[in-house]
């Protein structure tokens, strides 16, 4: 297109910290070019939030966190191909929170566990053995 086009995207599973994005424009003839890379910090800083993720010997995944505010969130587990293998809506309360993801049905491998809420986002890679 010879006119300016505007794009918007919502990353549903950003990595905690700085994320980098760029567009790839492909013409009908197969020629392509990339846009400039932009960076975006994924976690809203609403005070100190400590989150720890670990896998139990039973293969359950534990998310343990201490939050400073009430928020609705979603826990999502994806495999490395991006397929969602688990999704659960949760309510994070002010104070100590612990969420269990039943991982006994997951195949061995690496997964991305993310908690995306109204105020905070968190992602971590875990390995199911």
C-alpha atoms as a PDB file:
ATOM      1  CA  UNK A   1       0.000   0.000   0.000  1.00  0.00           C
ATOM      2  CA  UNK A   2       1.229   3.479  -0.728  1.00  0.00           C
ATOM      3  CA  UNK A   3      -0.797   4.953   2.144  1.00  0.00           C
ATOM      4  CA  UNK A   4       0.032   4.819   5.837  1.00  0.00           C
ATOM      5  CA  UNK A   5      -1.491   1.842   7.655  1.00  0.00           C
ATOM      6  CA  UNK A   6      -1.738   1.671  11.439  1.00  0.00           C
ATOM      7  CA  UNK A   7      -1.530  -1.627  13.338  1.00  0.00           C
ATOM      8  CA  UNK A   8      -2.301  -2.673  16.912  1.00  0.00           C
ATOM      9  CA  UNK A   9      -1.632  -5.950  18.712  1.00  0.00           C
ATOM     10  CA  UNK A  10      -2.269  -7.308  22.197  1.00  0.00           C
ATOM     11  CA  UNK A  11       0.329  -9.860  23.330  1.00  0.00           C
ATOM     12  CA  UNK A  12      -1.690 -12.348  25.405  1.00  0.00           C
ATOM     13  CA  UNK A  13       1.398 -14.034  26.879  1.00  0.00           C
ATOM     14  CA  UNK A  14       4.213 -11.495  27.246  1.00  0.00           C
ATOM     15  CA  UNK A  15       7.427 -12.488  28.983  1.00  0.00           C
ATOM     16  CA  UNK A  16       7.984 -10.665  32.277  1.00  0.00           C
ATOM     17  CA  UNK A  17      10.279  -7.708  31.593  1.00  0.00           C
ATOM     18  CA  UNK A  18      11.125  -6.191  28.229  1.00  0.00           C
ATOM     19  CA  UNK A  19       9.572  -7.684  25.086  1.00  0.00           C
ATOM     20  CA  UNK A  20      10.675  -6.832  21.530  1.00  0.00           C
ATOM     21  CA  UNK A  21       8.368  -6.652  18.506  1.00  0.00           C
ATOM     22  CA  UNK A  22       8.579  -5.961  14.773  1.00  0.00           C
ATOM     23  CA  UNK A  23       6.299  -6.292  11.754  1.00  0.00           C
ATOM     24  CA  UNK A  24       7.046  -8.252   8.609  1.00  0.00           C
ATOM     25  CA  UNK A  25       5.356  -6.826   5.510  1.00  0.00           C
ATOM     26  CA  UNK A  26       5.051  -9.273   2.617  1.00  0.00           C
ATOM     27  CA  UNK A  27       4.058  -8.143  -0.864  1.00  0.00           C
ATOM     28  CA  UNK A  28       1.914 -10.247  -3.198  1.00  0.00           C
ATOM     29  CA  UNK A  29       5.065 -11.195  -5.158  1.00  0.00           C
ATOM     30  CA  UNK A  30       6.745 -12.582  -2.017  1.00  0.00           C
ATOM     31  CA  UNK A  31       9.104  -9.643  -1.405  1.00  0.00           C
ATOM     32  CA  UNK A  32       9.197  -8.598   2.238  1.00  0.00           C
ATOM     33  CA  UNK A  33      10.759  -6.136   4.635  1.00  0.00           C
ATOM     34  CA  UNK A  34      10.790  -5.724   8.402  1.00  0.00           C
ATOM     35  CA  UNK A  35       9.783  -2.700  10.457  1.00  0.00           C
ATOM     36  CA  UNK A  36      11.986  -1.189  13.122  1.00  0.00           C
ATOM     37  CA  UNK A  37      12.130  -3.164  16.381  1.00  0.00           C
ATOM     38  CA  UNK A  38      10.220  -1.664  19.290  1.00  0.00           C
ATOM     39  CA  UNK A  39      10.400  -2.642  22.959  1.00  0.00           C
ATOM     40  CA  UNK A  40       7.661  -2.785  25.568  1.00  0.00           C
ATOM     41  CA  UNK A  41       7.829  -3.563  29.285  1.00  0.00           C
ATOM     42  CA  UNK A  42       5.135  -6.127  30.080  1.00  0.00           C
ATOM     43  CA  UNK A  43       4.596  -5.783  33.811  1.00  0.00           C
ATOM     44  CA  UNK A  44       2.653  -2.897  35.305  1.00  0.00           C
ATOM     45  CA  UNK A  45       4.475  -1.746  38.414  1.00  0.00           C
ATOM     46  CA  UNK A  46       1.765  -1.590  41.081  1.00  0.00           C
ATOM     47  CA  UNK A  47       4.120  -2.239  43.952  1.00  0.00           C
ATOM     48  CA  UNK A  48       6.247  -5.228  44.785  1.00  0.00           C
ATOM     49  CA  UNK A  49       4.868  -8.543  43.594  1.00  0.00           C
ATOM     50  CA  UNK A  50       6.925 -11.659  44.270  1.00  0.00           C
ATOM     51  CA  UNK A  51       6.031 -14.722  42.207  1.00  0.00           C
ATOM     52  CA  UNK A  52       7.693 -18.137  42.306  1.00  0.00           C
ATOM     53  CA  UNK A  53       6.968 -21.061  40.000  1.00  0.00           C
ATOM     54  CA  UNK A  54       8.005 -24.650  40.623  1.00  0.00           C
ATOM     55  CA  UNK A  55       7.091 -28.159  39.499  1.00  0.00           C
ATOM     56  CA  UNK A  56       6.341 -30.793  42.150  1.00  0.00           C
ATOM     57  CA  UNK A  57       7.374 -34.455  41.812  1.00  0.00           C
ATOM     58  CA  UNK A  58       3.678 -35.175  41.052  1.00  0.00           C
ATOM     59  CA  UNK A  59       4.131 -32.859  38.019  1.00  0.00           C
ATOM     60  CA  UNK A  60       1.731 -30.278  39.443  1.00  0.00           C
ATOM     61  CA  UNK A  61       2.876 -26.721  38.774  1.00  0.00           C
ATOM     62  CA  UNK A  62       2.711 -24.320  41.720  1.00  0.00           C
ATOM     63  CA  UNK A  63       2.494 -20.549  41.340  1.00  0.00           C
ATOM     64  CA  UNK A  64       3.133 -18.884  44.672  1.00  0.00           C
ATOM     65  CA  UNK A  65       2.857 -15.140  44.915  1.00  0.00           C
ATOM     66  CA  UNK A  66       2.477 -12.275  47.309  1.00  0.00           C
ATOM     67  CA  UNK A  67       0.473  -9.433  45.802  1.00  0.00           C
ATOM     68  CA  UNK A  68      -0.310  -5.940  46.997  1.00  0.00           C
ATOM     69  CA  UNK A  69      -3.706  -5.584  45.314  1.00  0.00           C
ATOM     70  CA  UNK A  70      -6.821  -7.526  44.338  1.00  0.00           C
ATOM     71  CA  UNK A  71      -7.099  -8.398  40.644  1.00  0.00           C
ATOM     72  CA  UNK A  72      -8.689 -10.872  38.254  1.00  0.00           C
ATOM     73  CA  UNK A  73      -6.156 -12.875  36.254  1.00  0.00           C
ATOM     74  CA  UNK A  74      -5.769 -15.854  33.956  1.00  0.00           C
ATOM     75  CA  UNK A  75      -3.181 -18.605  34.305  1.00  0.00           C
ATOM     76  CA  UNK A  76      -2.190 -20.037  30.931  1.00  0.00           C
ATOM     77  CA  UNK A  77       0.210 -22.861  30.115  1.00  0.00           C
ATOM     78  CA  UNK A  78       1.414 -23.205  26.523  1.00  0.00           C
ATOM     79  CA  UNK A  79       3.747 -25.712  24.925  1.00  0.00           C
ATOM     80  CA  UNK A  80       6.668 -24.548  22.792  1.00  0.00           C
ATOM     81  CA  UNK A  81       4.557 -24.653  19.635  1.00  0.00           C
ATOM     82  CA  UNK A  82       2.217 -22.072  21.219  1.00  0.00           C
ATOM     83  CA  UNK A  83      -0.648 -24.516  21.806  1.00  0.00           C
ATOM     84  CA  UNK A  84      -2.606 -23.715  24.983  1.00  0.00           C
ATOM     85  CA  UNK A  85      -2.655 -26.820  27.176  1.00  0.00           C
ATOM     86  CA  UNK A  86      -4.232 -25.196  30.247  1.00  0.00           C
ATOM     87  CA  UNK A  87      -6.152 -22.006  31.016  1.00  0.00           C
ATOM     88  CA  UNK A  88      -7.864 -21.009  34.264  1.00  0.00           C
ATOM     89  CA  UNK A  89      -9.354 -17.734  35.505  1.00  0.00           C
ATOM     90  CA  UNK A  90      -8.260 -16.863  39.049  1.00  0.00           C
ATOM     91  CA  UNK A  91      -8.660 -14.058  41.557  1.00  0.00           C
ATOM     92  CA  UNK A  92      -5.437 -12.723  43.054  1.00  0.00           C
ATOM     93  CA  UNK A  93      -5.967 -11.309  46.537  1.00  0.00           C
ATOM     94  CA  UNK A  94      -3.930  -8.805  48.501  1.00  0.00           C
ATOM     95  CA  UNK A  95      -1.383 -10.939  50.360  1.00  0.00           C
ATOM     96  CA  UNK A  96      -0.325 -14.577  49.911  1.00  0.00           C
ATOM     97  CA  UNK A  97      -1.724 -16.574  46.961  1.00  0.00           C
ATOM     98  CA  UNK A  98      -1.014 -20.099  45.763  1.00  0.00           C
ATOM     99  CA  UNK A  99      -2.371 -21.618  42.564  1.00  0.00           C
ATOM    100  CA  UNK A 100      -1.983 -25.249  41.476  1.00  0.00           C
ATOM    101  CA  UNK A 101      -1.925 -26.240  37.815  1.00  0.00           C
ATOM    102  CA  UNK A 102      -2.566 -29.981  37.403  1.00  0.00           C
ATOM    103  CA  UNK A 103       0.352 -30.951  35.170  1.00  0.00           C
ATOM    104  CA  UNK A 104       0.069 -34.730  35.452  1.00  0.00           C
ATOM    105  CA  UNK A 105      -1.506 -34.923  31.975  1.00  0.00           C
ATOM    106  CA  UNK A 106       1.255 -32.853  30.304  1.00  0.00           C
ATOM    107  CA  UNK A 107       3.859 -34.631  28.190  1.00  0.00           C
ATOM    108  CA  UNK A 108       7.507 -34.269  29.126  1.00  0.00           C
ATOM    109  CA  UNK A 109       8.973 -31.049  27.819  1.00  0.00           C
ATOM    110  CA  UNK A 110       9.275 -27.307  28.277  1.00  0.00           C
ATOM    111  CA  UNK A 111       6.240 -25.084  28.800  1.00  0.00           C
ATOM    112  CA  UNK A 112       5.539 -21.395  29.289  1.00  0.00           C
ATOM    113  CA  UNK A 113       3.436 -20.600  32.364  1.00  0.00           C
ATOM    114  CA  UNK A 114       1.924 -17.123  32.434  1.00  0.00           C
ATOM    115  CA  UNK A 115      -0.313 -15.209  34.797  1.00  0.00           C
ATOM    116  CA  UNK A 116      -1.927 -12.220  33.094  1.00  0.00           C
ATOM    117  CA  UNK A 117      -4.030  -9.927  35.202  1.00  0.00           C
ATOM    118  CA  UNK A 118      -5.566  -6.502  35.216  1.00  0.00           C
ATOM    119  CA  UNK A 119      -2.512  -5.083  37.006  1.00  0.00           C
ATOM    120  CA  UNK A 120       0.378  -7.499  36.562  1.00  0.00           C
ATOM    121  CA  UNK A 121       1.780  -9.983  34.069  1.00  0.00           C
ATOM    122  CA  UNK A 122       4.249 -12.766  34.745  1.00  0.00           C
ATOM    123  CA  UNK A 123       5.727 -15.558  32.641  1.00  0.00           C
ATOM    124  CA  UNK A 124       8.156 -18.357  33.396  1.00  0.00           C
ATOM    125  CA  UNK A 125       9.510 -21.365  31.532  1.00  0.00           C
ATOM    126  CA  UNK A 126       9.146 -24.716  33.294  1.00  0.00           C
ATOM    127  CA  UNK A 127      10.227 -28.252  32.466  1.00  0.00           C
ATOM    128  CA  UNK A 128       8.020 -31.289  33.031  1.00  0.00           C
ATOM    129  CA  UNK A 129      10.152 -34.408  33.450  1.00  0.00           C
END
